[in-house]
């Protein structure tokens, strides 16, 4: 059960940070984008480690990682809107 959680969280953070960084860089928050890129590297390392160490079947891994990524991208979009970092429509 712990490995399922690890895979879910690693996928969540990798996709969450990629989605958030995409929005941030689109709106020219360059320094913040640079900082988040370091965290993306850490999250992707965790994902790579999880692939080799989780011991899950391919289906278990894909379902768990897919769920983590789906939740991660959704949360990143809502967080970006909540933080109000986006370009305001006039």
Protein backbone atom coordinates (compact mmCIF):
# COMPACT_ATOMS: atom_id res chain seq x y z
CA UNK A 1 0.00 0.00 0.00
CA UNK A 2 2.88 2.35 0.76
CA UNK A 3 4.27 1.91 -2.76
CA UNK A 4 0.90 2.81 -4.29
CA UNK A 5 0.94 6.04 -2.27
CA UNK A 6 4.54 6.74 -3.26
CA UNK A 7 3.80 6.27 -6.98
CA UNK A 8 0.62 8.36 -6.72
CA UNK A 9 2.41 11.22 -4.93
CA UNK A 10 5.45 11.15 -7.21
CA UNK A 11 3.21 11.35 -10.28
CA UNK A 12 1.00 13.98 -8.64
CA UNK A 13 3.93 16.30 -7.91
CA UNK A 14 5.67 15.76 -11.26
CA UNK A 15 2.55 16.64 -13.26
CA UNK A 16 1.40 19.31 -10.77
CA UNK A 17 4.70 21.16 -11.04
CA UNK A 18 4.89 20.81 -14.83
CA UNK A 19 1.38 22.23 -15.21
CA UNK A 20 2.00 25.05 -12.75
CA UNK A 21 5.31 25.94 -14.36
CA UNK A 22 3.73 26.03 -17.80
CA UNK A 23 1.21 28.62 -16.62
CA UNK A 24 3.82 30.59 -14.69
CA UNK A 25 6.23 30.82 -17.63
CA UNK A 26 3.41 31.64 -20.04
CA UNK A 27 2.77 34.73 -17.93
CA UNK A 28 6.48 35.66 -17.77
CA UNK A 29 7.14 34.86 -14.09
CA UNK A 30 10.64 33.79 -15.12
CA UNK A 31 12.39 33.63 -11.73
CA UNK A 32 9.55 31.62 -10.19
CA UNK A 33 9.61 29.31 -13.21
CA UNK A 34 13.33 28.77 -12.74
CA UNK A 35 12.88 27.85 -9.09
CA UNK A 36 10.03 25.45 -9.82
CA UNK A 37 12.19 23.74 -12.45
CA UNK A 38 14.47 22.47 -9.66
CA UNK A 39 11.46 20.92 -7.92
CA UNK A 40 10.38 19.35 -11.23
CA UNK A 41 13.78 17.66 -11.42
CA UNK A 42 13.33 16.23 -7.92
CA UNK A 43 9.79 15.04 -8.69
CA UNK A 44 10.92 13.38 -11.92
CA UNK A 45 13.74 11.66 -10.07
CA UNK A 46 11.17 10.33 -7.58
CA UNK A 47 9.04 9.06 -10.48
CA UNK A 48 12.03 7.30 -12.03
CA UNK A 49 12.96 5.74 -8.70
CA UNK A 50 9.36 4.61 -8.19
CA UNK A 51 9.33 2.84 -11.58
CA UNK A 52 12.19 0.61 -10.50
CA UNK A 53 11.47 0.19 -6.80
CA UNK A 54 7.69 0.04 -6.42
CA UNK A 55 7.35 -3.59 -7.47
CA UNK A 56 3.94 -2.95 -9.00
CA UNK A 57 2.63 -4.64 -12.12
CA UNK A 58 2.53 -2.44 -15.23
CA UNK A 59 -1.25 -2.06 -14.95
CA UNK A 60 -1.07 -1.16 -11.23
CA UNK A 61 1.68 1.35 -11.94
CA UNK A 62 -0.09 2.96 -14.91
CA UNK A 63 -3.42 3.27 -13.10
CA UNK A 64 -1.83 4.67 -9.94
CA UNK A 65 0.51 7.08 -11.75
CA UNK A 66 -2.28 8.12 -14.13
CA UNK A 67 -4.57 8.94 -11.22
CA UNK A 68 -1.81 10.94 -9.51
CA UNK A 69 -1.08 12.88 -12.68
CA UNK A 70 -4.76 13.60 -13.35
CA UNK A 71 -5.28 14.96 -9.86
CA UNK A 72 -1.96 16.85 -10.05
CA UNK A 73 -2.78 18.75 -13.25
CA UNK A 74 -6.25 19.63 -11.98
CA UNK A 75 -4.94 20.94 -8.66
CA UNK A 76 -2.24 22.97 -10.41
CA UNK A 77 -4.81 24.73 -12.58
CA UNK A 78 -7.05 25.61 -9.66
CA UNK A 79 -4.10 26.70 -7.50
CA UNK A 80 -2.87 28.99 -10.26
CA UNK A 81 -6.30 30.61 -10.49
CA UNK A 82 -6.58 30.84 -6.70
CA UNK A 83 -3.17 32.52 -6.40
CA UNK A 84 -4.23 35.07 -9.01
CA UNK A 85 -0.96 34.86 -10.94
CA UNK A 86 -2.60 34.85 -14.35
CA UNK A 87 -2.94 37.71 -16.77
CA UNK A 88 -6.18 39.55 -16.03
CA UNK A 89 -8.68 39.99 -18.84
CA UNK A 90 -9.64 43.60 -19.43
